[in-house]
Amino acid sequence: MQVMNTWLQYIPDEELEQSVRDIEFTEDMTVEEILEQKLVFDQALIDFLEHNIRSTSTPHVADFFQTLRNYVVSQTAQTVWSTREERADSELPQVH
């Protein structure tokens, strides 16, 4: 319940905002291009969560963001791994 009662002020930096603004899907994109854009979004989300982990002084809130970050990293890695297995020629970037 402590997480629900915690106020966090977060103003994303320009780099994070720009990375999200740059995500654009078009009807002529390949599956690989769509996945690359998804990975850009996932990395921006991971960066956001890591910022929140560092910014909070409440251990339960930090644990919440850490758990969420770990989940996003795990799901993103699973997406990359399964895509690489399906497409041997895949050059998707690594998730940090």
N, C-alpha and C. Protein backbone atom coordinates (compact mmCIF):
# COMPACT_ATOMS: atom_id res chain seq x y z
N MET A 1 0.81 -1.19 0.00
CA MET A 1 0.00 0.00 0.00
C MET A 1 0.86 1.26 0.00
N GLN A 2 2.06 1.15 0.50
CA GLN A 2 2.95 2.31 0.54
C GLN A 2 3.24 2.84 -0.86
N VAL A 3 3.32 1.94 -1.84
CA VAL A 3 3.57 2.36 -3.22
C VAL A 3 2.44 3.26 -3.69
N MET A 4 1.21 2.93 -3.36
CA MET A 4 0.05 3.70 -3.80
C MET A 4 -0.01 5.08 -3.15
N ASN A 5 0.60 5.23 -2.00
CA ASN A 5 0.54 6.50 -1.28
C ASN A 5 1.79 7.35 -1.48
N THR A 6 2.62 7.00 -2.44
CA THR A 6 3.87 7.72 -2.68
C THR A 6 3.74 8.59 -3.92
N TRP A 7 4.13 9.83 -3.78
CA TRP A 7 4.12 10.77 -4.90
C TRP A 7 5.52 10.85 -5.47
N LEU A 8 5.64 10.62 -6.76
CA LEU A 8 6.93 10.75 -7.42
C LEU A 8 6.85 11.86 -8.45
N GLN A 9 7.81 12.72 -8.41
CA GLN A 9 7.87 13.75 -9.44
C GLN A 9 8.95 13.35 -10.42
N TYR A 10 8.57 13.21 -11.65
CA TYR A 10 9.54 12.80 -12.66
C TYR A 10 9.33 13.64 -13.90
N ILE A 11 10.39 14.26 -14.32
CA ILE A 11 10.38 15.01 -15.57
C ILE A 11 11.43 14.36 -16.45
N PRO A 12 10.99 13.68 -17.49
CA PRO A 12 11.97 12.96 -18.33
C PRO A 12 12.92 13.93 -19.01
N ASP A 13 14.15 13.48 -19.18
CA ASP A 13 15.10 14.33 -19.87
C ASP A 13 14.81 14.33 -21.36
N GLU A 14 15.44 15.25 -22.06
CA GLU A 14 15.15 15.41 -23.49
C GLU A 14 15.48 14.16 -24.29
N GLU A 15 16.55 13.47 -23.90
CA GLU A 15 16.94 12.26 -24.64
C GLU A 15 15.85 11.20 -24.57
N LEU A 16 15.29 10.99 -23.39
CA LEU A 16 14.23 10.01 -23.22
C LEU A 16 12.98 10.43 -23.99
N GLU A 17 12.59 11.69 -23.85
CA GLU A 17 11.42 12.18 -24.59
C GLU A 17 11.62 12.03 -26.09
N GLN A 18 12.81 12.37 -26.56
CA GLN A 18 13.08 12.29 -28.00
C GLN A 18 13.04 10.85 -28.48
N SER A 19 13.55 9.91 -27.70
CA SER A 19 13.54 8.51 -28.13
C SER A 19 12.12 8.00 -28.27
N VAL A 20 11.22 8.44 -27.39
CA VAL A 20 9.82 8.03 -27.50
C VAL A 20 9.14 8.74 -28.67
N ARG A 21 9.44 10.01 -28.86
CA ARG A 21 8.85 10.76 -29.99
C ARG A 21 9.28 10.20 -31.34
N ASP A 22 10.49 9.66 -31.39
CA ASP A 22 11.04 9.15 -32.65
C ASP A 22 10.43 7.81 -33.08
N ILE A 23 9.72 7.17 -32.19
CA ILE A 23 9.10 5.90 -32.54
C ILE A 23 7.95 6.17 -33.50
N GLU A 24 8.04 5.57 -34.66
CA GLU A 24 7.01 5.77 -35.68
C GLU A 24 6.81 4.47 -36.43
N PHE A 25 5.56 4.06 -36.50
CA PHE A 25 5.22 2.85 -37.22
C PHE A 25 4.55 3.23 -38.53
N THR A 26 4.93 2.57 -39.59
CA THR A 26 4.32 2.79 -40.89
C THR A 26 3.88 1.45 -41.46
N GLU A 27 2.95 1.49 -42.39
CA GLU A 27 2.41 0.25 -42.93
C GLU A 27 3.40 -0.52 -43.78
N ASP A 28 4.47 0.11 -44.23
CA ASP A 28 5.45 -0.59 -45.06
C ASP A 28 6.65 -1.11 -44.27
N MET A 29 6.58 -1.06 -42.96
CA MET A 29 7.69 -1.55 -42.14
C MET A 29 7.73 -3.07 -42.12
N THR A 30 8.94 -3.60 -42.04
CA THR A 30 9.11 -5.04 -41.89
C THR A 30 8.91 -5.41 -40.43
N VAL A 31 8.75 -6.69 -40.18
CA VAL A 31 8.62 -7.17 -38.81
C VAL A 31 9.86 -6.77 -38.01
N GLU A 32 11.00 -6.90 -38.61
CA GLU A 32 12.26 -6.55 -37.96
C GLU A 32 12.28 -5.06 -37.57
N GLU A 33 11.83 -4.21 -38.45
CA GLU A 33 11.79 -2.76 -38.16
C GLU A 33 10.81 -2.44 -37.03
N ILE A 34 9.68 -3.13 -37.02
CA ILE A 34 8.70 -2.93 -35.94
C ILE A 34 9.29 -3.37 -34.60
N LEU A 35 9.94 -4.52 -34.59
CA LEU A 35 10.57 -5.01 -33.36
C LEU A 35 11.67 -4.07 -32.89
N GLU A 36 12.43 -3.50 -33.82
CA GLU A 36 13.46 -2.54 -33.45
C GLU A 36 12.83 -1.32 -32.75
N GLN A 37 11.71 -0.84 -33.28
CA GLN A 37 11.02 0.29 -32.66
C GLN A 37 10.49 -0.08 -31.27
N LYS A 38 9.99 -1.30 -31.14
CA LYS A 38 9.52 -1.76 -29.84
C LYS A 38 10.67 -1.80 -28.84
N LEU A 39 11.83 -2.24 -29.29
CA LEU A 39 12.99 -2.29 -28.40
C LEU A 39 13.44 -0.89 -27.97
N VAL A 40 13.30 0.08 -28.86
CA VAL A 40 13.61 1.47 -28.50
C VAL A 40 12.68 1.92 -27.37
N PHE A 41 11.38 1.61 -27.53
CA PHE A 41 10.41 1.95 -26.48
C PHE A 41 10.73 1.21 -25.18
N ASP A 42 11.01 -0.09 -25.27
CA ASP A 42 11.32 -0.87 -24.08
C ASP A 42 12.52 -0.28 -23.35
N GLN A 43 13.56 0.12 -24.11
CA GLN A 43 14.74 0.68 -23.46
C GLN A 43 14.41 2.02 -22.80
N ALA A 44 13.57 2.83 -23.43
CA ALA A 44 13.14 4.09 -22.81
C ALA A 44 12.38 3.81 -21.52
N LEU A 45 11.54 2.79 -21.51
CA LEU A 45 10.80 2.42 -20.31
C LEU A 45 11.75 1.93 -19.22
N ILE A 46 12.73 1.14 -19.59
CA ILE A 46 13.72 0.65 -18.63
C ILE A 46 14.49 1.83 -18.03
N ASP A 47 14.90 2.78 -18.87
CA ASP A 47 15.60 3.97 -18.38
C ASP A 47 14.73 4.75 -17.41
N PHE A 48 13.45 4.89 -17.72
CA PHE A 48 12.50 5.59 -16.86
C PHE A 48 12.40 4.89 -15.50
N LEU A 49 12.27 3.59 -15.52
CA LEU A 49 12.15 2.83 -14.27
C LEU A 49 13.44 2.91 -13.44
N GLU A 50 14.58 2.84 -14.12
CA GLU A 50 15.85 2.96 -13.40
C GLU A 50 16.00 4.33 -12.76
N HIS A 51 15.56 5.36 -13.44
CA HIS A 51 15.58 6.71 -12.86
C HIS A 51 14.72 6.75 -11.60
N ASN A 52 13.54 6.16 -11.67
CA ASN A 52 12.64 6.15 -10.52
C ASN A 52 13.22 5.34 -9.36
N ILE A 53 13.90 4.25 -9.66
CA ILE A 53 14.55 3.46 -8.62
C ILE A 53 15.58 4.31 -7.88
N ARG A 54 16.38 5.05 -8.64
CA ARG A 54 17.41 5.89 -8.03
C ARG A 54 16.82 7.09 -7.31
N SER A 55 15.65 7.56 -7.74
CA SER A 55 15.08 8.80 -7.22
C SER A 55 14.26 8.65 -5.95
N THR A 56 13.81 7.45 -5.65
CA THR A 56 12.94 7.29 -4.49
C THR A 56 13.75 6.92 -3.25
N SER A 57 13.28 7.39 -2.12
CA SER A 57 13.93 7.05 -0.86
C SER A 57 13.11 6.03 -0.07
N THR A 58 12.01 5.59 -0.65
CA THR A 58 11.13 4.63 0.01
C THR A 58 11.45 3.22 -0.50
N PRO A 59 11.96 2.35 0.36
CA PRO A 59 12.38 1.02 -0.09
C PRO A 59 11.29 0.22 -0.80
N HIS A 60 10.04 0.26 -0.33
CA HIS A 60 8.97 -0.50 -0.98
C HIS A 60 8.70 0.01 -2.39
N VAL A 61 8.81 1.30 -2.57
CA VAL A 61 8.60 1.89 -3.89
C VAL A 61 9.76 1.51 -4.81
N ALA A 62 10.97 1.58 -4.31
CA ALA A 62 12.14 1.18 -5.10
C ALA A 62 12.02 -0.29 -5.50
N ASP A 63 11.58 -1.13 -4.57
CA ASP A 63 11.39 -2.56 -4.87
C ASP A 63 10.34 -2.76 -5.96
N PHE A 64 9.26 -1.97 -5.90
CA PHE A 64 8.21 -2.05 -6.91
C PHE A 64 8.78 -1.72 -8.29
N PHE A 65 9.51 -0.60 -8.39
CA PHE A 65 10.09 -0.22 -9.68
C PHE A 65 11.15 -1.22 -10.13
N GLN A 66 11.90 -1.78 -9.21
CA GLN A 66 12.91 -2.77 -9.57
C GLN A 66 12.25 -4.03 -10.12
N THR A 67 11.17 -4.46 -9.50
CA THR A 67 10.44 -5.63 -9.98
C THR A 67 9.86 -5.37 -11.36
N LEU A 68 9.29 -4.20 -11.55
CA LEU A 68 8.73 -3.85 -12.86
C LEU A 68 9.83 -3.76 -13.91
N ARG A 69 10.96 -3.17 -13.55
CA ARG A 69 12.09 -3.07 -14.48
C ARG A 69 12.57 -4.47 -14.86
N ASN A 70 12.72 -5.35 -13.87
CA ASN A 70 13.17 -6.72 -14.15
C ASN A 70 12.21 -7.44 -15.08
N TYR A 71 10.91 -7.21 -14.89
CA TYR A 71 9.91 -7.82 -15.75
C TYR A 71 10.06 -7.32 -17.20
N VAL A 72 10.20 -6.01 -17.36
CA VAL A 72 10.33 -5.44 -18.71
C VAL A 72 11.60 -5.97 -19.38
N VAL A 73 12.71 -6.02 -18.64
CA VAL A 73 13.96 -6.54 -19.20
C VAL A 73 13.79 -8.00 -19.60
N SER A 74 13.16 -8.78 -18.75
CA SER A 74 12.95 -10.20 -19.03
C SER A 74 12.09 -10.41 -20.28
N GLN A 75 10.99 -9.67 -20.36
CA GLN A 75 10.09 -9.80 -21.51
C GLN A 75 10.76 -9.34 -22.80
N THR A 76 11.53 -8.28 -22.71
CA THR A 76 12.23 -7.76 -23.88
C THR A 76 13.29 -8.74 -24.34
N ALA A 77 14.04 -9.28 -23.40
CA ALA A 77 15.06 -10.27 -23.75
C ALA A 77 14.43 -11.51 -24.38
N GLN A 78 13.28 -11.92 -23.85
CA GLN A 78 12.58 -13.08 -24.40
C GLN A 78 12.13 -12.80 -25.85
N THR A 79 11.65 -11.60 -26.10
CA THR A 79 11.25 -11.22 -27.45
C THR A 79 12.44 -11.28 -28.40
N VAL A 80 13.56 -10.70 -27.98
CA VAL A 80 14.77 -10.70 -28.81
C VAL A 80 15.24 -12.12 -29.07
N TRP A 81 15.28 -12.91 -28.00
CA TRP A 81 15.77 -14.29 -28.14
C TRP A 81 14.89 -15.10 -29.09
N SER A 82 13.58 -15.03 -28.92
CA SER A 82 12.70 -15.82 -29.78
C SER A 82 12.76 -15.33 -31.22
N THR A 83 12.93 -14.03 -31.40
CA THR A 83 13.05 -13.50 -32.77
C THR A 83 14.34 -13.97 -33.41
N ARG A 84 15.40 -13.99 -32.66
CA ARG A 84 16.68 -14.46 -33.21
C ARG A 84 16.62 -15.94 -33.55
N GLU A 85 15.91 -16.72 -32.74
CA GLU A 85 15.78 -18.15 -33.04
C GLU A 85 14.96 -18.36 -34.31
N GLU A 86 13.91 -17.55 -34.48
CA GLU A 86 13.05 -17.68 -35.66
C GLU A 86 13.73 -17.15 -36.91
N ARG A 87 14.54 -16.13 -36.73
CA ARG A 87 15.18 -15.48 -37.87
C ARG A 87 16.68 -15.47 -37.65
N ALA A 88 17.37 -16.42 -38.23
CA ALA A 88 18.81 -16.56 -38.02
C ALA A 88 19.57 -15.32 -38.46
N ASP A 89 19.02 -14.57 -39.40
CA ASP A 89 19.70 -13.38 -39.90
C ASP A 89 19.35 -12.12 -39.11
N SER A 90 18.64 -12.24 -38.00
CA SER A 90 18.20 -11.10 -37.22
C SER A 90 19.40 -10.36 -36.62
N GLU A 91 19.33 -9.03 -36.67
CA GLU A 91 20.37 -8.19 -36.10
C GLU A 91 19.78 -7.24 -35.07
N LEU A 92 18.82 -7.72 -34.29
CA LEU A 92 18.20 -6.88 -33.28
C LEU A 92 19.23 -6.50 -32.21
N PRO A 93 19.14 -5.27 -31.72
CA PRO A 93 20.10 -4.82 -30.70
C PRO A 93 19.86 -5.49 -29.35
N GLN A 94 20.87 -5.45 -28.51
CA GLN A 94 20.78 -5.99 -27.16
C GLN A 94 20.06 -5.01 -26.25
N VAL A 95 19.38 -5.53 -25.24
CA VAL A 95 18.72 -4.71 -24.23
C VAL A 95 19.66 -4.60 -23.05
N HIS A 96 19.80 -3.41 -22.48
CA HIS A 96 20.73 -3.18 -21.36
C HIS A 96 20.09 -3.53 -20.06
